[in-house]
Amino acid sequence: MMLKTHKAPDKGSQFSTPSEKVVHGRKNLKLMDVNYRRNTESDYTEKIDQLSKNFDYSSNSNYYWGEPELSLLYGTPLYEAASPYQQKALNHIY
């Protein structure tokens, strides 16, 4: 049985000179820095944590949270047989 082998890429196939590696590395670092800064500026973890602490399911359980068509099991016989309360609960799951 023969094993398939792959030819190793040539050493210079990705970059032609060491200076190009440095430039490429600087571009990556700059992009990573910009991405990190934007992510930290848009970090809503604390706001989400506060909202979750203040959330009261019993006060919000009588409403659909999204379109009924987006509910779990929507359009199935099980969904059609469910009570309106159960249908809303299926909507909350999705």
PDB file of N, CA and C in Angstrom:
ATOM      1  N   MET A   1       0.851  -1.178   0.000  1.00  0.00           N
ATOM      2  CA  MET A   1       0.000   0.000   0.000  1.00  0.00           C
ATOM      3  C   MET A   1       0.896   1.240   0.000  1.00  0.00           C
ATOM      4  N   MET A   2       0.631   2.131  -0.902  1.00  0.00           N
ATOM      5  CA  MET A   2       1.431   3.352  -1.040  1.00  0.00           C
ATOM      6  C   MET A   2       0.778   4.485  -0.250  1.00  0.00           C
ATOM      7  N   LEU A   3       1.583   5.255   0.422  1.00  0.00           N
ATOM      8  CA  LEU A   3       1.099   6.438   1.114  1.00  0.00           C
ATOM      9  C   LEU A   3       1.227   7.640   0.204  1.00  0.00           C
ATOM     10  N   LYS A   4       0.238   8.491   0.265  1.00  0.00           N
ATOM     11  CA  LYS A   4       0.321   9.731  -0.501  1.00  0.00           C
ATOM     12  C   LYS A   4       1.235  10.690   0.241  1.00  0.00           C
ATOM     13  N   THR A   5       2.126  11.268  -0.466  1.00  0.00           N
ATOM     14  CA  THR A   5       3.016  12.249   0.150  1.00  0.00           C
ATOM     15  C   THR A   5       2.813  13.590  -0.519  1.00  0.00           C
ATOM     16  N   HIS A   6       3.102  14.602   0.221  1.00  0.00           N
ATOM     17  CA  HIS A   6       2.976  15.956  -0.300  1.00  0.00           C
ATOM     18  C   HIS A   6       4.351  16.582  -0.359  1.00  0.00           C
ATOM     19  N   LYS A   7       4.569  17.340  -1.371  1.00  0.00           N
ATOM     20  CA  LYS A   7       5.841  18.036  -1.516  1.00  0.00           C
ATOM     21  C   LYS A   7       5.863  19.231  -0.567  1.00  0.00           C
ATOM     22  N   ALA A   8       6.928  19.362   0.169  1.00  0.00           N
ATOM     23  CA  ALA A   8       7.084  20.499   1.078  1.00  0.00           C
ATOM     24  C   ALA A   8       7.206  21.776   0.265  1.00  0.00           C
ATOM     25  N   PRO A   9       6.603  22.856   0.741  1.00  0.00           N
ATOM     26  CA  PRO A   9       6.710  24.117   0.000  1.00  0.00           C
ATOM     27  C   PRO A   9       8.152  24.602  -0.011  1.00  0.00           C
ATOM     28  N   ASP A  10       8.504  25.284  -1.070  1.00  0.00           N
ATOM     29  CA  ASP A  10       9.842  25.864  -1.163  1.00  0.00           C
ATOM     30  C   ASP A  10      10.014  26.890  -0.057  1.00  0.00           C
ATOM     31  N   LYS A  11      11.231  27.017   0.425  1.00  0.00           N
ATOM     32  CA  LYS A  11      11.500  27.954   1.518  1.00  0.00           C
ATOM     33  C   LYS A  11      11.118  29.376   1.158  1.00  0.00           C
ATOM     34  N   GLY A  12      11.338  29.774  -0.043  1.00  0.00           N
ATOM     35  CA  GLY A  12      11.068  31.149  -0.439  1.00  0.00           C
ATOM     36  C   GLY A  12       9.717  31.346  -1.088  1.00  0.00           C
ATOM     37  N   SER A  13       8.847  30.348  -1.037  1.00  0.00           N
ATOM     38  CA  SER A  13       7.587  30.462  -1.766  1.00  0.00           C
ATOM     39  C   SER A  13       6.633  31.474  -1.144  1.00  0.00           C
ATOM     40  N   GLN A  14       6.684  31.638   0.177  1.00  0.00           N
ATOM     41  CA  GLN A  14       5.746  32.555   0.804  1.00  0.00           C
ATOM     42  C   GLN A  14       6.287  33.981   0.830  1.00  0.00           C
ATOM     43  N   PHE A  15       7.534  34.145   1.152  1.00  0.00           N
ATOM     44  CA  PHE A  15       8.162  35.455   1.196  1.00  0.00           C
ATOM     45  C   PHE A  15       9.484  35.371   0.443  1.00  0.00           C
ATOM     46  N   SER A  16       9.809  36.410  -0.250  1.00  0.00           N
ATOM     47  CA  SER A  16      11.052  36.342  -1.017  1.00  0.00           C
ATOM     48  C   SER A  16      12.256  36.845  -0.233  1.00  0.00           C
ATOM     49  N   THR A  17      12.052  37.756   0.696  1.00  0.00           N
ATOM     50  CA  THR A  17      13.182  38.274   1.470  1.00  0.00           C
ATOM     51  C   THR A  17      12.788  38.398   2.935  1.00  0.00           C
ATOM     52  N   PRO A  18      13.768  38.389   3.833  1.00  0.00           N
ATOM     53  CA  PRO A  18      13.450  38.564   5.255  1.00  0.00           C
ATOM     54  C   PRO A  18      12.740  39.882   5.554  1.00  0.00           C
ATOM     55  N   SER A  19      13.049  40.937   4.812  1.00  0.00           N
ATOM     56  CA  SER A  19      12.409  42.230   5.079  1.00  0.00           C
ATOM     57  C   SER A  19      10.914  42.178   4.790  1.00  0.00           C
ATOM     58  N   GLU A  20      10.512  41.364   3.810  1.00  0.00           N
ATOM     59  CA  GLU A  20       9.079  41.226   3.531  1.00  0.00           C
ATOM     60  C   GLU A  20       8.375  40.532   4.687  1.00  0.00           C
ATOM     61  N   LYS A  21       9.063  39.613   5.361  1.00  0.00           N
ATOM     62  CA  LYS A  21       8.482  38.960   6.532  1.00  0.00           C
ATOM     63  C   LYS A  21       8.227  39.984   7.633  1.00  0.00           C
ATOM     64  N   VAL A  22       9.156  40.892   7.820  1.00  0.00           N
ATOM     65  CA  VAL A  22       9.012  41.923   8.849  1.00  0.00           C
ATOM     66  C   VAL A  22       7.829  42.823   8.531  1.00  0.00           C
ATOM     67  N   VAL A  23       7.716  43.265   7.290  1.00  0.00           N
ATOM     68  CA  VAL A  23       6.605  44.131   6.881  1.00  0.00           C
ATOM     69  C   VAL A  23       5.287  43.396   7.063  1.00  0.00           C
ATOM     70  N   HIS A  24       5.248  42.136   6.640  1.00  0.00           N
ATOM     71  CA  HIS A  24       4.029  41.339   6.779  1.00  0.00           C
ATOM     72  C   HIS A  24       3.670  41.194   8.260  1.00  0.00           C
ATOM     73  N   GLY A  25       4.671  40.954   9.098  1.00  0.00           N
ATOM     74  CA  GLY A  25       4.438  40.827  10.535  1.00  0.00           C
ATOM     75  C   GLY A  25       3.919  42.110  11.153  1.00  0.00           C
ATOM     76  N   ARG A  26       4.450  43.245  10.732  1.00  0.00           N
ATOM     77  CA  ARG A  26       3.986  44.540  11.249  1.00  0.00           C
ATOM     78  C   ARG A  26       2.534  44.792  10.860  1.00  0.00           C
ATOM     79  N   LYS A  27       2.184  44.429   9.634  1.00  0.00           N
ATOM     80  CA  LYS A  27       0.792  44.614   9.199  1.00  0.00           C
ATOM     81  C   LYS A  27      -0.136  43.767  10.052  1.00  0.00           C
ATOM     82  N   ASN A  28       0.260  42.522  10.307  1.00  0.00           N
ATOM     83  CA  ASN A  28      -0.564  41.655  11.148  1.00  0.00           C
ATOM     84  C   ASN A  28      -0.705  42.216  12.553  1.00  0.00           C
ATOM     85  N   LEU A  29       0.401  42.692  13.119  1.00  0.00           N
ATOM     86  CA  LEU A  29       0.344  43.272  14.460  1.00  0.00           C
ATOM     87  C   LEU A  29      -0.564  44.492  14.499  1.00  0.00           C
ATOM     88  N   LYS A  30      -0.490  45.320  13.479  1.00  0.00           N
ATOM     89  CA  LYS A  30      -1.341  46.511  13.427  1.00  0.00           C
ATOM     90  C   LYS A  30      -2.814  46.107  13.332  1.00  0.00           C
ATOM     91  N   LEU A  31      -3.117  45.129  12.481  1.00  0.00           N
ATOM     92  CA  LEU A  31      -4.496  44.662  12.349  1.00  0.00           C
ATOM     93  C   LEU A  31      -4.999  44.045  13.648  1.00  0.00           C
ATOM     94  N   MET A  32      -4.148  43.266  14.299  1.00  0.00           N
ATOM     95  CA  MET A  32      -4.548  42.661  15.571  1.00  0.00           C
ATOM     96  C   MET A  32      -4.776  43.729  16.633  1.00  0.00           C
ATOM     97  N   ASP A  33      -3.948  44.759  16.649  1.00  0.00           N
ATOM     98  CA  ASP A  33      -4.099  45.845  17.606  1.00  0.00           C
ATOM     99  C   ASP A  33      -5.410  46.590  17.387  1.00  0.00           C
ATOM    100  N   VAL A  34      -5.710  46.903  16.142  1.00  0.00           N
ATOM    101  CA  VAL A  34      -6.965  47.596  15.817  1.00  0.00           C
ATOM    102  C   VAL A  34      -8.154  46.723  16.204  1.00  0.00           C
ATOM    103  N   ASN A  35      -8.098  45.448  15.878  1.00  0.00           N
ATOM    104  CA  ASN A  35      -9.181  44.527  16.196  1.00  0.00           C
ATOM    105  C   ASN A  35      -9.382  44.418  17.708  1.00  0.00           C
ATOM    106  N   TYR A  36      -8.296  44.287  18.448  1.00  0.00           N
ATOM    107  CA  TYR A  36      -8.376  44.199  19.909  1.00  0.00           C
ATOM    108  C   TYR A  36      -8.986  45.470  20.499  1.00  0.00           C
ATOM    109  N   ARG A  37      -8.536  46.625  20.037  1.00  0.00           N
ATOM    110  CA  ARG A  37      -9.047  47.907  20.540  1.00  0.00           C
ATOM    111  C   ARG A  37     -10.549  48.026  20.276  1.00  0.00           C
ATOM    112  N   ARG A  38     -10.964  47.688  19.079  1.00  0.00           N
ATOM    113  CA  ARG A  38     -12.398  47.774  18.758  1.00  0.00           C
ATOM    114  C   ARG A  38     -13.213  46.807  19.608  1.00  0.00           C
ATOM    115  N   ASN A  39     -12.682  45.617  19.828  1.00  0.00           N
ATOM    116  CA  ASN A  39     -13.401  44.641  20.647  1.00  0.00           C
ATOM    117  C   ASN A  39     -13.528  45.101  22.091  1.00  0.00           C
ATOM    118  N   THR A  40     -12.473  45.686  22.638  1.00  0.00           N
ATOM    119  CA  THR A  40     -12.559  46.152  24.025  1.00  0.00           C
ATOM    120  C   THR A  40     -13.463  47.375  24.146  1.00  0.00           C
ATOM    121  N   GLU A  41     -13.513  48.213  23.133  1.00  0.00           N
ATOM    122  CA  GLU A  41     -14.399  49.377  23.158  1.00  0.00           C
ATOM    123  C   GLU A  41     -15.863  48.964  23.049  1.00  0.00           C
ATOM    124  N   SER A  42     -16.128  47.829  22.445  1.00  0.00           N
ATOM    125  CA  SER A  42     -17.507  47.383  22.264  1.00  0.00           C
ATOM    126  C   SER A  42     -17.843  46.217  23.186  1.00  0.00           C
ATOM    127  N   ASP A  43     -17.187  46.135  24.332  1.00  0.00           N
ATOM    128  CA  ASP A  43     -17.432  45.057  25.282  1.00  0.00           C
ATOM    129  C   ASP A  43     -18.637  45.421  26.146  1.00  0.00           C
ATOM    130  N   TYR A  44     -19.720  44.702  25.968  1.00  0.00           N
ATOM    131  CA  TYR A  44     -20.951  44.976  26.696  1.00  0.00           C
ATOM    132  C   TYR A  44     -21.198  43.957  27.799  1.00  0.00           C
ATOM    133  N   THR A  45     -20.159  43.266  28.237  1.00  0.00           N
ATOM    134  CA  THR A  45     -20.304  42.217  29.240  1.00  0.00           C
ATOM    135  C   THR A  45     -20.959  42.743  30.507  1.00  0.00           C
ATOM    136  N   GLU A  46     -20.498  43.866  31.017  1.00  0.00           N
ATOM    137  CA  GLU A  46     -21.058  44.411  32.258  1.00  0.00           C
ATOM    138  C   GLU A  46     -22.526  44.787  32.086  1.00  0.00           C
ATOM    139  N   LYS A  47     -22.868  45.388  30.961  1.00  0.00           N
ATOM    140  CA  LYS A  47     -24.263  45.765  30.713  1.00  0.00           C
ATOM    141  C   LYS A  47     -25.145  44.528  30.622  1.00  0.00           C
ATOM    142  N   ILE A  48     -24.661  43.505  29.931  1.00  0.00           N
ATOM    143  CA  ILE A  48     -25.426  42.262  29.792  1.00  0.00           C
ATOM    144  C   ILE A  48     -25.591  41.598  31.153  1.00  0.00           C
ATOM    145  N   ASP A  49     -24.533  41.577  31.955  1.00  0.00           N
ATOM    146  CA  ASP A  49     -24.622  41.000  33.299  1.00  0.00           C
ATOM    147  C   ASP A  49     -25.663  41.729  34.137  1.00  0.00           C
ATOM    148  N   GLN A  50     -25.675  43.054  34.071  1.00  0.00           N
ATOM    149  CA  GLN A  50     -26.641  43.836  34.844  1.00  0.00           C
ATOM    150  C   GLN A  50     -28.070  43.557  34.376  1.00  0.00           C
ATOM    151  N   LEU A  51     -28.265  43.510  33.071  1.00  0.00           N
ATOM    152  CA  LEU A  51     -29.596  43.209  32.544  1.00  0.00           C
ATOM    153  C   LEU A  51     -30.057  41.820  32.964  1.00  0.00           C
ATOM    154  N   SER A  52     -29.160  40.858  32.940  1.00  0.00           N
ATOM    155  CA  SER A  52     -29.549  39.495  33.320  1.00  0.00           C
ATOM    156  C   SER A  52     -29.903  39.414  34.802  1.00  0.00           C
ATOM    157  N   LYS A  53     -29.240  40.207  35.643  1.00  0.00           N
ATOM    158  CA  LYS A  53     -29.568  40.219  37.072  1.00  0.00           C
ATOM    159  C   LYS A  53     -30.941  40.834  37.318  1.00  0.00           C
ATOM    160  N   ASN A  54     -31.321  41.804  36.503  1.00  0.00           N
ATOM    161  CA  ASN A  54     -32.600  42.493  36.677  1.00  0.00           C
ATOM    162  C   ASN A  54     -33.748  41.825  35.935  1.00  0.00           C
ATOM    163  N   PHE A  55     -33.451  40.795  35.140  1.00  0.00           N
ATOM    164  CA  PHE A  55     -34.482  40.169  34.318  1.00  0.00           C
ATOM    165  C   PHE A  55     -35.411  39.323  35.177  1.00  0.00           C
ATOM    166  N   ASP A  56     -36.711  39.497  34.973  1.00  0.00           N
ATOM    167  CA  ASP A  56     -37.722  38.722  35.691  1.00  0.00           C
ATOM    168  C   ASP A  56     -38.567  37.975  34.664  1.00  0.00           C
ATOM    169  N   TYR A  57     -38.342  36.669  34.568  1.00  0.00           N
ATOM    170  CA  TYR A  57     -39.033  35.876  33.547  1.00  0.00           C
ATOM    171  C   TYR A  57     -40.546  35.962  33.703  1.00  0.00           C
ATOM    172  N   SER A  58     -41.036  35.907  34.930  1.00  0.00           N
ATOM    173  CA  SER A  58     -42.490  35.910  35.125  1.00  0.00           C
ATOM    174  C   SER A  58     -43.132  37.190  34.599  1.00  0.00           C
ATOM    175  N   SER A  59     -42.405  38.296  34.606  1.00  0.00           N
ATOM    176  CA  SER A  59     -42.938  39.555  34.074  1.00  0.00           C
ATOM    177  C   SER A  59     -42.919  39.597  32.553  1.00  0.00           C
ATOM    178  N   ASN A  60     -42.118  38.751  31.938  1.00  0.00           N
ATOM    179  CA  ASN A  60     -41.955  38.777  30.485  1.00  0.00           C
ATOM    180  C   ASN A  60     -42.426  37.506  29.791  1.00  0.00           C
ATOM    181  N   SER A  61     -42.941  36.551  30.539  1.00  0.00           N
ATOM    182  CA  SER A  61     -43.291  35.256  29.952  1.00  0.00           C
ATOM    183  C   SER A  61     -44.592  35.280  29.159  1.00  0.00           C
ATOM    184  N   ASN A  62     -45.399  36.322  29.306  1.00  0.00           N
ATOM    185  CA  ASN A  62     -46.679  36.379  28.600  1.00  0.00           C
ATOM    186  C   ASN A  62     -46.570  36.996  27.214  1.00  0.00           C
ATOM    187  N   TYR A  63     -45.362  37.218  26.761  1.00  0.00           N
ATOM    188  CA  TYR A  63     -45.141  37.865  25.467  1.00  0.00           C
ATOM    189  C   TYR A  63     -44.265  36.989  24.581  1.00  0.00           C
ATOM    190  N   TYR A  64     -44.487  37.112  23.283  1.00  0.00           N
ATOM    191  CA  TYR A  64     -43.553  36.504  22.338  1.00  0.00           C
ATOM    192  C   TYR A  64     -42.306  37.375  22.315  1.00  0.00           C
ATOM    193  N   TRP A  65     -41.146  36.747  22.307  1.00  0.00           N
ATOM    194  CA  TRP A  65     -39.891  37.495  22.279  1.00  0.00           C
ATOM    195  C   TRP A  65     -39.389  37.682  20.864  1.00  0.00           C
ATOM    196  N   GLY A  66     -39.988  36.991  19.945  1.00  0.00           N
ATOM    197  CA  GLY A  66     -39.646  37.099  18.534  1.00  0.00           C
ATOM    198  C   GLY A  66     -40.865  36.705  17.731  1.00  0.00           C
ATOM    199  N   GLU A  67     -40.741  36.708  16.444  1.00  0.00           N
ATOM    200  CA  GLU A  67     -41.855  36.294  15.599  1.00  0.00           C
ATOM    201  C   GLU A  67     -42.234  34.851  15.929  1.00  0.00           C
ATOM    202  N   PRO A  68     -43.531  34.541  16.031  1.00  0.00           N
ATOM    203  CA  PRO A  68     -43.936  33.163  16.336  1.00  0.00           C
ATOM    204  C   PRO A  68     -43.357  32.136  15.355  1.00  0.00           C
ATOM    205  N   GLU A  69     -43.162  32.550  14.105  1.00  0.00           N
ATOM    206  CA  GLU A  69     -42.624  31.634  13.102  1.00  0.00           C
ATOM    207  C   GLU A  69     -41.200  31.194  13.422  1.00  0.00           C
ATOM    208  N   LEU A  70     -40.523  31.921  14.303  1.00  0.00           N
ATOM    209  CA  LEU A  70     -39.158  31.565  14.693  1.00  0.00           C
ATOM    210  C   LEU A  70     -39.123  30.656  15.917  1.00  0.00           C
ATOM    211  N   SER A  71     -40.298  30.287  16.418  1.00  0.00           N
ATOM    212  CA  SER A  71     -40.368  29.448  17.609  1.00  0.00           C
ATOM    213  C   SER A  71     -39.864  28.044  17.322  1.00  0.00           C
ATOM    214  N   LEU A  72     -39.314  27.432  18.364  1.00  0.00           N
ATOM    215  CA  LEU A  72     -38.889  26.043  18.278  1.00  0.00           C
ATOM    216  C   LEU A  72     -40.109  25.179  17.976  1.00  0.00           C
ATOM    217  N   LEU A  73     -39.985  24.282  17.052  1.00  0.00           N
ATOM    218  CA  LEU A  73     -41.030  23.329  16.640  1.00  0.00           C
ATOM    219  C   LEU A  73     -42.205  23.991  15.921  1.00  0.00           C
ATOM    220  N   TYR A  74     -42.066  25.248  15.515  1.00  0.00           N
ATOM    221  CA  TYR A  74     -43.156  25.934  14.816  1.00  0.00           C
ATOM    222  C   TYR A  74     -43.550  25.151  13.566  1.00  0.00           C
ATOM    223  N   GLY A  75     -44.859  25.032  13.346  1.00  0.00           N
ATOM    224  CA  GLY A  75     -45.369  24.348  12.165  1.00  0.00           C
ATOM    225  C   GLY A  75     -45.481  22.844  12.317  1.00  0.00           C
ATOM    226  N   THR A  76     -45.095  22.324  13.458  1.00  0.00           N
ATOM    227  CA  THR A  76     -45.195  20.880  13.681  1.00  0.00           C
ATOM    228  C   THR A  76     -46.498  20.577  14.413  1.00  0.00           C
ATOM    229  N   PRO A  77     -46.967  19.342  14.332  1.00  0.00           N
ATOM    230  CA  PRO A  77     -48.178  18.977  15.078  1.00  0.00           C
ATOM    231  C   PRO A  77     -48.033  19.217  16.587  1.00  0.00           C
ATOM    232  N   LEU A  78     -46.848  19.015  17.107  1.00  0.00           N
ATOM    233  CA  LEU A  78     -46.626  19.238  18.532  1.00  0.00           C
ATOM    234  C   LEU A  78     -46.823  20.714  18.891  1.00  0.00           C
ATOM    235  N   TYR A  79     -46.321  21.599  18.053  1.00  0.00           N
ATOM    236  CA  TYR A  79     -46.494  23.033  18.290  1.00  0.00           C
ATOM    237  C   TYR A  79     -47.971  23.403  18.194  1.00  0.00           C
ATOM    238  N   GLU A  80     -48.650  22.876  17.199  1.00  0.00           N
ATOM    239  CA  GLU A  80     -50.076  23.195  17.011  1.00  0.00           C
ATOM    240  C   GLU A  80     -50.917  22.690  18.179  1.00  0.00           C
ATOM    241  N   ALA A  81     -50.510  21.585  18.805  1.00  0.00           N
ATOM    242  CA  ALA A  81     -51.261  21.024  19.927  1.00  0.00           C
ATOM    243  C   ALA A  81     -50.942  21.722  21.247  1.00  0.00           C
ATOM    244  N   ALA A  82     -49.899  22.510  21.272  1.00  0.00           N
ATOM    245  CA  ALA A  82     -49.483  23.181  22.507  1.00  0.00           C
ATOM    246  C   ALA A  82     -50.437  24.316  22.855  1.00  0.00           C
ATOM    247  N   SER A  83     -50.534  24.598  24.134  1.00  0.00           N
ATOM    248  CA  SER A  83     -51.345  25.727  24.593  1.00  0.00           C
ATOM    249  C   SER A  83     -50.636  27.028  24.215  1.00  0.00           C
ATOM    250  N   PRO A  84     -51.362  28.152  24.221  1.00  0.00           N
ATOM    251  CA  PRO A  84     -50.706  29.433  23.930  1.00  0.00           C
ATOM    252  C   PRO A  84     -49.513  29.708  24.863  1.00  0.00           C
ATOM    253  N   TYR A  85     -49.642  29.348  26.130  1.00  0.00           N
ATOM    254  CA  TYR A  85     -48.531  29.530  27.072  1.00  0.00           C
ATOM    255  C   TYR A  85     -47.325  28.691  26.655  1.00  0.00           C
ATOM    256  N   GLN A  86     -47.578  27.437  26.257  1.00  0.00           N
ATOM    257  CA  GLN A  86     -46.493  26.558  25.821  1.00  0.00           C
ATOM    258  C   GLN A  86     -45.861  27.062  24.525  1.00  0.00           C
ATOM    259  N   GLN A  87     -46.681  27.606  23.629  1.00  0.00           N
ATOM    260  CA  GLN A  87     -46.140  28.148  22.379  1.00  0.00           C
ATOM    261  C   GLN A  87     -45.217  29.333  22.655  1.00  0.00           C
ATOM    262  N   LYS A  88     -45.589  30.162  23.614  1.00  0.00           N
ATOM    263  CA  LYS A  88     -44.715  31.288  23.980  1.00  0.00           C
ATOM    264  C   LYS A  88     -43.418  30.776  24.603  1.00  0.00           C
ATOM    265  N   ALA A  89     -43.518  29.735  25.423  1.00  0.00           N
ATOM    266  CA  ALA A  89     -42.308  29.160  26.020  1.00  0.00           C
ATOM    267  C   ALA A  89     -41.395  28.607  24.929  1.00  0.00           C
ATOM    268  N   LEU A  90     -41.963  27.992  23.899  1.00  0.00           N
ATOM    269  CA  LEU A  90     -41.156  27.501  22.777  1.00  0.00           C
ATOM    270  C   LEU A  90     -40.520  28.669  22.027  1.00  0.00           C
ATOM    271  N   ASN A  91     -41.200  29.786  21.983  1.00  0.00           N
ATOM    272  CA  ASN A  91     -40.634  30.981  21.364  1.00  0.00           C
ATOM    273  C   ASN A  91     -39.468  31.522  22.188  1.00  0.00           C
ATOM    274  N   HIS A  92     -39.549  31.412  23.487  1.00  0.00           N
ATOM    275  CA  HIS A  92     -38.483  31.902  24.363  1.00  0.00           C
ATOM    276  C   HIS A  92     -37.228  31.057  24.242  1.00  0.00           C
ATOM    277  N   ILE A  93     -37.383  29.787  23.940  1.00  0.00           N
ATOM    278  CA  ILE A  93     -36.219  28.900  23.827  1.00  0.00           C
ATOM    279  C   ILE A  93     -35.354  29.312  22.658  1.00  0.00           C
ATOM    280  N   TYR A  94     -35.974  29.674  21.550  1.00  0.00           N
ATOM    281  CA  TYR A  94     -35.185  30.052  20.380  1.00  0.00           C
ATOM    282  C   TYR A  94     -34.644  31.426  20.567  1.00  0.00           C
TER     283      TYR A  94
END
